[in-house]
Amino acid sequence: MSIQRLDDNAALDRRVKSRASLTVGNKAIYPGQGPCLICSVVAKTVNSSEMMFYQMIVLDDSGCELLVPVDKAREIGVRLMMKKSEIPPLLTQLKKRTKAADNWKQRASDNLKLLSSGSPFDLAEVVSSLTELSDTRSLTLGESGTLSKARRLLICEISEVMDQTKTDAELQVDRALTARR
């Protein structure tokens, strides 16, 4: 990946992370879970002290509920969803060829860091590099799972941002990936 591309992606990531604060009614991204709706802010007693938590519902078929400490939300990587105007640069990143590390341990470490960041551009990097690797050889079971998870998270966010079905968002991702070949 070129230095300029890293700088461009870092600038977009900063814009995504630095927007307005998290408030009730916002849709936000929880790293590793995807799009969530902030339903309320609740007080809970933890170790004899009161803490405030965002009560979030994951916007997928699971309907899973999350409690995220308000004071730790940014540190954990919870962020507002991207803007519609940020989707084209994300899809452009998917169109660019990437090279994964040759060593499987380094690839696994790199991909874990990228997945944990919560950045949509890091998810796109994982999807792009593992898709390209799968074009040349079979992925390990772990790599297949990582690719599947990164695709799911990326498609869910695009779907929510663009107000599309997941099928339509998946088509956009697939078109971008096939355009790089």
Protein backbone atom coordinates (compact mmCIF):
# COMPACT_ATOMS: atom_id res chain seq x y z
CA MET A 1 0.00 0.00 0.00
CA SER A 2 1.44 3.39 -0.92
CA ILE A 3 2.18 6.13 1.61
CA GLN A 4 -0.22 8.54 -0.17
CA ARG A 5 -3.03 5.99 0.02
CA LEU A 6 -2.37 5.49 3.73
CA ASP A 7 -2.50 9.26 4.26
CA ASP A 8 -5.76 9.59 2.28
CA ASN A 9 -7.40 6.74 4.21
CA ALA A 10 -6.16 8.11 7.54
CA ALA A 11 -7.68 11.52 6.75
CA LEU A 12 -11.04 9.93 5.90
CA ASP A 13 -10.87 7.78 9.04
CA ARG A 14 -10.25 10.88 11.19
CA ARG A 15 -13.29 12.57 9.65
CA VAL A 16 -15.45 9.50 10.32
CA LYS A 17 -14.27 9.25 13.94
CA SER A 18 -14.31 12.96 14.79
CA ARG A 19 -17.88 13.80 13.83
CA ALA A 20 -20.61 14.66 16.30
CA SER A 21 -20.83 12.88 19.61
CA LEU A 22 -22.86 9.77 20.15
CA THR A 23 -26.44 10.52 21.20
CA VAL A 24 -29.66 8.57 21.68
CA GLY A 25 -31.27 7.87 18.32
CA ASN A 26 -27.96 7.87 16.40
CA LYS A 27 -26.82 4.87 14.45
CA ALA A 28 -23.26 3.96 15.34
CA ILE A 29 -20.71 1.29 14.52
CA TYR A 30 -19.43 -1.01 17.23
CA PRO A 31 -16.21 -2.72 16.04
CA GLY A 32 -16.76 -6.39 15.33
CA GLN A 33 -20.55 -6.06 15.62
CA GLY A 34 -21.43 -3.55 12.92
CA PRO A 35 -24.24 -0.99 12.80
CA CYS A 36 -26.16 -0.39 16.03
CA LEU A 37 -28.91 1.94 17.17
CA ILE A 38 -28.24 3.89 20.37
CA CYS A 39 -31.53 3.36 22.24
CA SER A 40 -30.81 5.02 25.54
CA VAL A 41 -28.23 5.97 28.13
CA VAL A 42 -28.66 3.96 31.31
CA ALA A 43 -27.06 4.07 34.76
CA LYS A 44 -25.72 0.82 36.18
CA THR A 45 -23.89 0.13 39.40
CA VAL A 46 -20.51 -1.51 38.85
CA ASN A 47 -18.24 -2.25 41.82
CA SER A 48 -20.28 0.04 44.06
CA SER A 49 -20.03 3.02 41.73
CA GLU A 50 -22.57 4.26 39.24
CA MET A 51 -21.56 4.22 35.57
CA MET A 52 -23.39 5.44 32.49
CA PHE A 53 -23.80 3.09 29.53
CA TYR A 54 -25.09 3.44 25.98
CA GLN A 55 -27.74 0.78 25.43
CA MET A 56 -27.30 -0.28 21.81
CA ILE A 57 -29.21 -2.72 19.60
CA VAL A 58 -27.24 -4.41 16.80
CA LEU A 59 -29.02 -3.75 13.50
CA ASP A 60 -28.78 -7.24 12.10
CA ASP A 61 -31.01 -10.26 12.34
CA SER A 62 -29.72 -11.13 15.83
CA GLY A 63 -31.16 -8.06 17.59
CA CYS A 64 -28.34 -8.41 20.12
CA GLU A 65 -28.21 -5.76 22.85
CA LEU A 66 -24.96 -4.14 23.93
CA LEU A 67 -24.14 -1.99 26.95
CA VAL A 68 -21.16 0.25 26.23
CA PRO A 69 -19.60 2.46 28.94
CA VAL A 70 -20.09 6.09 27.86
CA ASP A 71 -16.60 7.01 29.10
CA LYS A 72 -14.96 4.21 27.09
CA ALA A 73 -17.02 4.26 23.88
CA ARG A 74 -14.51 6.21 21.76
CA GLU A 75 -11.59 4.25 23.20
CA ILE A 76 -13.34 0.99 22.27
CA GLY A 77 -13.79 2.35 18.74
CA VAL A 78 -17.53 3.08 18.72
CA ARG A 79 -18.15 5.72 16.06
CA LEU A 80 -20.96 7.23 14.04
CA MET A 81 -21.64 5.64 10.67
CA MET A 82 -20.04 7.00 7.55
CA LYS A 83 -21.73 9.66 5.45
CA LYS A 84 -23.07 8.78 2.00
CA SER A 85 -20.33 10.93 0.47
CA GLU A 86 -17.69 8.64 2.03
CA ILE A 87 -18.97 5.47 0.33
CA PRO A 88 -17.44 6.18 -3.14
CA PRO A 89 -13.87 6.51 -1.72
CA LEU A 90 -14.47 3.28 0.20
CA LEU A 91 -15.56 1.44 -2.96
CA THR A 92 -12.59 2.96 -4.82
CA GLN A 93 -10.28 1.44 -2.21
CA LEU A 94 -11.81 -1.98 -2.91
CA LYS A 95 -10.97 -1.54 -6.60
CA LYS A 96 -7.25 -1.12 -5.88
CA ARG A 97 -4.98 -4.12 -5.76
CA THR A 98 -3.44 -4.90 -2.39
CA LYS A 99 -0.82 -7.31 -1.20
CA ALA A 100 -1.19 -9.33 1.98
CA ALA A 101 1.85 -10.40 3.98
CA ASP A 102 3.48 -13.62 2.75
CA ASN A 103 3.61 -15.16 6.22
CA TRP A 104 0.24 -16.43 7.48
CA LYS A 105 1.01 -15.39 11.07
CA GLN A 106 1.76 -11.84 9.99
CA ARG A 107 -1.41 -11.78 7.83
CA ALA A 108 -3.50 -12.97 10.79
CA SER A 109 -1.96 -10.33 13.06
CA ASP A 110 -2.40 -7.56 10.48
CA ASN A 111 -6.02 -8.52 9.82
CA LEU A 112 -6.86 -8.70 13.54
CA LYS A 113 -5.53 -5.16 14.03
CA LEU A 114 -7.49 -3.90 11.03
CA LEU A 115 -10.72 -5.60 12.15
CA SER A 116 -10.33 -4.27 15.70
CA SER A 117 -9.89 -0.66 14.57
CA GLY A 118 -13.54 -0.30 13.58
CA SER A 119 -12.54 1.71 10.50
CA PRO A 120 -14.52 0.99 7.33
CA PHE A 121 -11.36 1.61 5.30
CA ASP A 122 -9.50 -1.00 7.35
CA LEU A 123 -12.35 -3.46 6.73
CA ALA A 124 -12.05 -2.70 3.01
CA GLU A 125 -8.31 -3.41 3.24
CA VAL A 126 -8.99 -6.84 4.80
CA VAL A 127 -11.67 -7.67 2.22
CA SER A 128 -9.52 -6.54 -0.69
CA SER A 129 -6.31 -8.30 0.39
CA LEU A 130 -7.96 -11.60 1.34
CA THR A 131 -10.11 -11.61 -1.80
CA GLU A 132 -6.99 -11.07 -3.89
CA LEU A 133 -5.19 -13.83 -1.99
CA SER A 134 -8.16 -16.18 -2.54
CA ASP A 135 -7.80 -15.61 -6.29
CA THR A 136 -4.35 -17.21 -6.20
CA ARG A 137 -4.78 -19.96 -3.60
CA SER A 138 -7.19 -21.43 -1.07
CA LEU A 139 -7.60 -19.46 2.14
CA THR A 140 -7.08 -21.12 5.50
CA LEU A 141 -10.17 -21.70 7.62
CA GLY A 142 -9.22 -18.70 9.78
CA GLU A 143 -8.68 -16.45 6.76
CA SER A 144 -12.01 -17.52 5.27
CA GLY A 145 -13.74 -16.62 8.53
CA THR A 146 -11.95 -13.26 8.69
CA LEU A 147 -12.90 -12.46 5.10
CA SER A 148 -16.51 -13.44 5.74
CA LYS A 149 -16.72 -11.28 8.89
CA ALA A 150 -15.04 -8.26 7.27
CA ARG A 151 -17.37 -8.51 4.24
CA ARG A 152 -20.43 -8.80 6.48
CA LEU A 153 -19.45 -5.75 8.55
CA LEU A 154 -18.62 -3.69 5.47
CA ILE A 155 -21.82 -4.68 3.66
CA CYS A 156 -23.94 -3.94 6.76
CA GLU A 157 -22.51 -0.45 7.10
CA ILE A 158 -22.90 0.35 3.39
CA SER A 159 -26.46 -0.99 3.52
CA GLU A 160 -27.39 1.22 6.49
CA VAL A 161 -25.65 4.34 5.16
CA MET A 162 -27.11 4.06 1.66
CA ASP A 163 -30.49 2.84 2.95
CA GLN A 164 -30.26 -0.24 0.72
CA THR A 165 -30.85 -3.92 1.18
CA LYS A 166 -27.83 -5.97 2.16
CA THR A 167 -28.10 -7.71 -1.22
CA ASP A 168 -27.73 -4.38 -3.06
CA ALA A 169 -24.79 -3.37 -0.85
CA GLU A 170 -23.16 -6.75 -1.47
CA LEU A 171 -23.53 -6.23 -5.23
CA GLN A 172 -21.73 -2.88 -4.91
CA VAL A 173 -18.87 -4.52 -3.00
CA ASP A 174 -18.65 -7.39 -5.49
CA ARG A 175 -18.63 -4.98 -8.47
CA ALA A 176 -15.81 -2.99 -6.89
CA LEU A 177 -13.79 -6.16 -6.22
CA THR A 178 -14.25 -7.50 -9.75
CA ALA A 179 -13.32 -4.11 -11.25
CA ARG A 180 -9.78 -4.47 -9.91
CA ARG A 181 -9.04 -7.62 -11.84
